[in-house]
Amino acid sequence: MNPGDHLVLFADVAVTTSGLHLGFALGAEGDGLYLYDGTGSLIDSVRFGHQLPDLSIGRIGYDGRWA
């Protein structure tokens, strides 16, 4: 991937729908997600608390803010 590109990954165990499914789900009570490169260096991460149904969070811009 190049800077500015994005890839949508579904954190669920669905196998009957299209898309890239990770085979695991994130915890509704709070969890963390970590992205590493091929050498094992941490590239990015997010930790979050309790999640409300049908509400998403996402990064806005390149300054690291989450909304």
N, C-alpha and C. Protein backbone atom coordinates (compact mmCIF):
# COMPACT_ATOMS: atom_id res chain seq x y z
N MET A 1 0.84 -1.17 0.00
CA MET A 1 0.00 0.00 0.00
C MET A 1 0.88 1.23 0.00
N ASN A 2 0.38 2.28 -0.59
CA ASN A 2 1.10 3.54 -0.65
C ASN A 2 0.50 4.53 0.34
N PRO A 3 1.27 5.56 0.75
CA PRO A 3 0.72 6.57 1.65
C PRO A 3 -0.58 7.13 1.08
N GLY A 4 -1.58 7.28 1.95
CA GLY A 4 -2.88 7.79 1.54
C GLY A 4 -3.85 6.72 1.08
N ASP A 5 -3.36 5.51 0.81
CA ASP A 5 -4.24 4.41 0.43
C ASP A 5 -4.99 3.91 1.66
N HIS A 6 -6.05 3.19 1.44
CA HIS A 6 -6.77 2.56 2.55
C HIS A 6 -7.24 1.17 2.13
N LEU A 7 -7.47 0.36 3.13
CA LEU A 7 -7.93 -1.00 2.92
C LEU A 7 -8.99 -1.27 3.98
N VAL A 8 -10.14 -1.75 3.57
CA VAL A 8 -11.21 -2.06 4.51
C VAL A 8 -11.10 -3.53 4.90
N LEU A 9 -10.98 -3.77 6.20
CA LEU A 9 -10.94 -5.12 6.76
C LEU A 9 -12.10 -5.25 7.74
N PHE A 10 -12.77 -6.37 7.69
CA PHE A 10 -13.91 -6.61 8.58
C PHE A 10 -13.45 -7.48 9.74
N ALA A 11 -13.57 -6.94 10.96
CA ALA A 11 -13.18 -7.69 12.16
C ALA A 11 -14.38 -8.53 12.60
N ASP A 12 -14.56 -9.65 11.90
CA ASP A 12 -15.62 -10.59 12.23
C ASP A 12 -15.24 -11.97 11.69
N VAL A 13 -16.12 -12.92 11.90
CA VAL A 13 -15.83 -14.29 11.46
C VAL A 13 -16.69 -14.70 10.27
N ALA A 14 -17.30 -13.73 9.60
CA ALA A 14 -18.16 -14.04 8.45
C ALA A 14 -17.35 -14.68 7.33
N VAL A 15 -17.92 -15.67 6.71
CA VAL A 15 -17.27 -16.31 5.57
C VAL A 15 -18.17 -16.33 4.34
N THR A 16 -19.41 -15.89 4.51
CA THR A 16 -20.35 -15.96 3.40
C THR A 16 -20.55 -14.61 2.70
N THR A 17 -19.95 -13.54 3.20
CA THR A 17 -20.08 -12.23 2.57
C THR A 17 -18.76 -11.84 1.93
N SER A 18 -18.83 -10.94 0.96
CA SER A 18 -17.62 -10.51 0.28
C SER A 18 -16.78 -9.60 1.18
N GLY A 19 -15.54 -9.40 0.83
CA GLY A 19 -14.64 -8.54 1.59
C GLY A 19 -13.56 -9.35 2.29
N LEU A 20 -12.66 -8.64 2.93
CA LEU A 20 -11.56 -9.27 3.67
C LEU A 20 -11.94 -9.35 5.14
N HIS A 21 -12.21 -10.56 5.61
CA HIS A 21 -12.63 -10.80 6.99
C HIS A 21 -11.46 -11.36 7.78
N LEU A 22 -11.23 -10.79 8.97
CA LEU A 22 -10.06 -11.13 9.77
C LEU A 22 -10.18 -12.45 10.52
N GLY A 23 -11.38 -12.95 10.70
CA GLY A 23 -11.54 -14.21 11.41
C GLY A 23 -11.63 -14.04 12.92
N PHE A 24 -11.71 -12.80 13.39
CA PHE A 24 -11.91 -12.53 14.80
C PHE A 24 -12.67 -11.22 14.91
N ALA A 25 -13.31 -11.01 16.05
CA ALA A 25 -14.07 -9.79 16.30
C ALA A 25 -13.39 -8.98 17.41
N LEU A 26 -13.65 -7.70 17.42
CA LEU A 26 -13.15 -6.83 18.48
C LEU A 26 -14.19 -6.78 19.59
N GLY A 27 -13.73 -6.66 20.82
CA GLY A 27 -14.62 -6.71 21.97
C GLY A 27 -15.46 -5.44 22.13
N ALA A 28 -16.77 -5.59 22.27
CA ALA A 28 -17.67 -4.46 22.44
C ALA A 28 -17.42 -3.73 23.75
N GLU A 29 -16.82 -4.40 24.73
CA GLU A 29 -16.55 -3.77 26.02
C GLU A 29 -15.24 -2.98 26.01
N GLY A 30 -14.50 -3.06 24.91
CA GLY A 30 -13.22 -2.36 24.76
C GLY A 30 -12.17 -3.33 24.26
N ASP A 31 -11.22 -2.82 23.53
CA ASP A 31 -10.21 -3.70 22.95
C ASP A 31 -9.08 -2.84 22.38
N GLY A 32 -8.19 -3.45 21.67
CA GLY A 32 -7.11 -2.75 21.00
C GLY A 32 -6.78 -3.44 19.70
N LEU A 33 -6.27 -2.67 18.77
CA LEU A 33 -5.88 -3.20 17.47
C LEU A 33 -4.51 -2.62 17.13
N TYR A 34 -3.59 -3.47 16.69
CA TYR A 34 -2.21 -3.07 16.44
C TYR A 34 -1.79 -3.50 15.04
N LEU A 35 -1.14 -2.62 14.32
CA LEU A 35 -0.69 -2.88 12.96
C LEU A 35 0.83 -2.89 12.93
N TYR A 36 1.40 -4.02 12.47
CA TYR A 36 2.85 -4.19 12.41
C TYR A 36 3.29 -4.36 10.96
N ASP A 37 4.50 -3.94 10.65
CA ASP A 37 5.03 -4.18 9.31
C ASP A 37 5.68 -5.56 9.25
N GLY A 38 6.25 -5.91 8.11
CA GLY A 38 6.83 -7.24 7.90
C GLY A 38 8.02 -7.55 8.79
N THR A 39 8.64 -6.52 9.39
CA THR A 39 9.78 -6.75 10.28
C THR A 39 9.38 -6.84 11.74
N GLY A 40 8.08 -6.65 12.01
CA GLY A 40 7.60 -6.71 13.39
C GLY A 40 7.58 -5.36 14.09
N SER A 41 7.85 -4.27 13.38
CA SER A 41 7.80 -2.93 13.97
C SER A 41 6.36 -2.42 13.99
N LEU A 42 5.97 -1.86 15.12
CA LEU A 42 4.62 -1.31 15.25
C LEU A 42 4.48 -0.08 14.36
N ILE A 43 3.47 -0.08 13.49
CA ILE A 43 3.21 1.04 12.60
C ILE A 43 2.13 1.96 13.17
N ASP A 44 1.07 1.37 13.73
CA ASP A 44 -0.05 2.15 14.22
C ASP A 44 -0.84 1.31 15.20
N SER A 45 -1.64 1.96 16.01
CA SER A 45 -2.48 1.22 16.95
C SER A 45 -3.64 2.10 17.39
N VAL A 46 -4.65 1.47 17.92
CA VAL A 46 -5.77 2.16 18.54
C VAL A 46 -6.29 1.27 19.68
N ARG A 47 -6.58 1.91 20.81
CA ARG A 47 -7.24 1.24 21.93
C ARG A 47 -8.53 1.99 22.16
N PHE A 48 -9.58 1.28 22.48
CA PHE A 48 -10.87 1.92 22.65
C PHE A 48 -11.63 1.26 23.79
N GLY A 49 -12.53 2.03 24.36
CA GLY A 49 -13.38 1.55 25.44
C GLY A 49 -14.69 1.00 24.91
N HIS A 50 -15.67 0.96 25.79
CA HIS A 50 -16.99 0.41 25.47
C HIS A 50 -17.53 1.02 24.18
N GLN A 51 -18.07 0.18 23.31
CA GLN A 51 -18.61 0.62 22.02
C GLN A 51 -20.13 0.57 22.03
N LEU A 52 -20.73 1.57 21.40
CA LEU A 52 -22.18 1.62 21.26
C LEU A 52 -22.58 0.87 19.99
N PRO A 53 -23.72 0.21 19.98
CA PRO A 53 -24.17 -0.52 18.78
C PRO A 53 -24.31 0.40 17.58
N ASP A 54 -23.88 -0.08 16.43
CA ASP A 54 -24.03 0.62 15.15
C ASP A 54 -23.37 1.99 15.11
N LEU A 55 -22.28 2.17 15.84
CA LEU A 55 -21.52 3.42 15.83
C LEU A 55 -20.06 3.09 15.59
N SER A 56 -19.43 3.78 14.67
CA SER A 56 -18.04 3.51 14.32
C SER A 56 -17.14 4.66 14.74
N ILE A 57 -15.87 4.35 14.96
CA ILE A 57 -14.87 5.39 15.15
C ILE A 57 -13.91 5.31 13.98
N GLY A 58 -13.23 6.39 13.71
CA GLY A 58 -12.27 6.40 12.62
C GLY A 58 -11.31 7.57 12.76
N ARG A 59 -10.19 7.48 12.10
CA ARG A 59 -9.19 8.54 12.13
C ARG A 59 -9.57 9.64 11.15
N ILE A 60 -9.35 10.87 11.57
CA ILE A 60 -9.61 12.02 10.72
C ILE A 60 -8.26 12.64 10.37
N GLY A 61 -7.89 12.62 9.08
CA GLY A 61 -6.64 13.22 8.65
C GLY A 61 -5.43 12.44 9.11
N TYR A 62 -4.29 13.10 9.09
CA TYR A 62 -3.02 12.44 9.41
C TYR A 62 -2.45 12.83 10.75
N ASP A 63 -3.19 13.62 11.54
CA ASP A 63 -2.65 14.08 12.82
C ASP A 63 -2.93 13.12 13.97
N GLY A 64 -3.56 11.99 13.68
CA GLY A 64 -3.79 10.99 14.71
C GLY A 64 -5.06 11.15 15.51
N ARG A 65 -5.90 12.16 15.19
CA ARG A 65 -7.17 12.33 15.91
C ARG A 65 -8.14 11.24 15.52
N TRP A 66 -8.89 10.77 16.51
CA TRP A 66 -9.94 9.77 16.28
C TRP A 66 -11.27 10.40 16.59
N ALA A 67 -12.29 10.03 15.86
CA ALA A 67 -13.62 10.58 16.11
C ALA A 67 -14.65 9.47 16.00
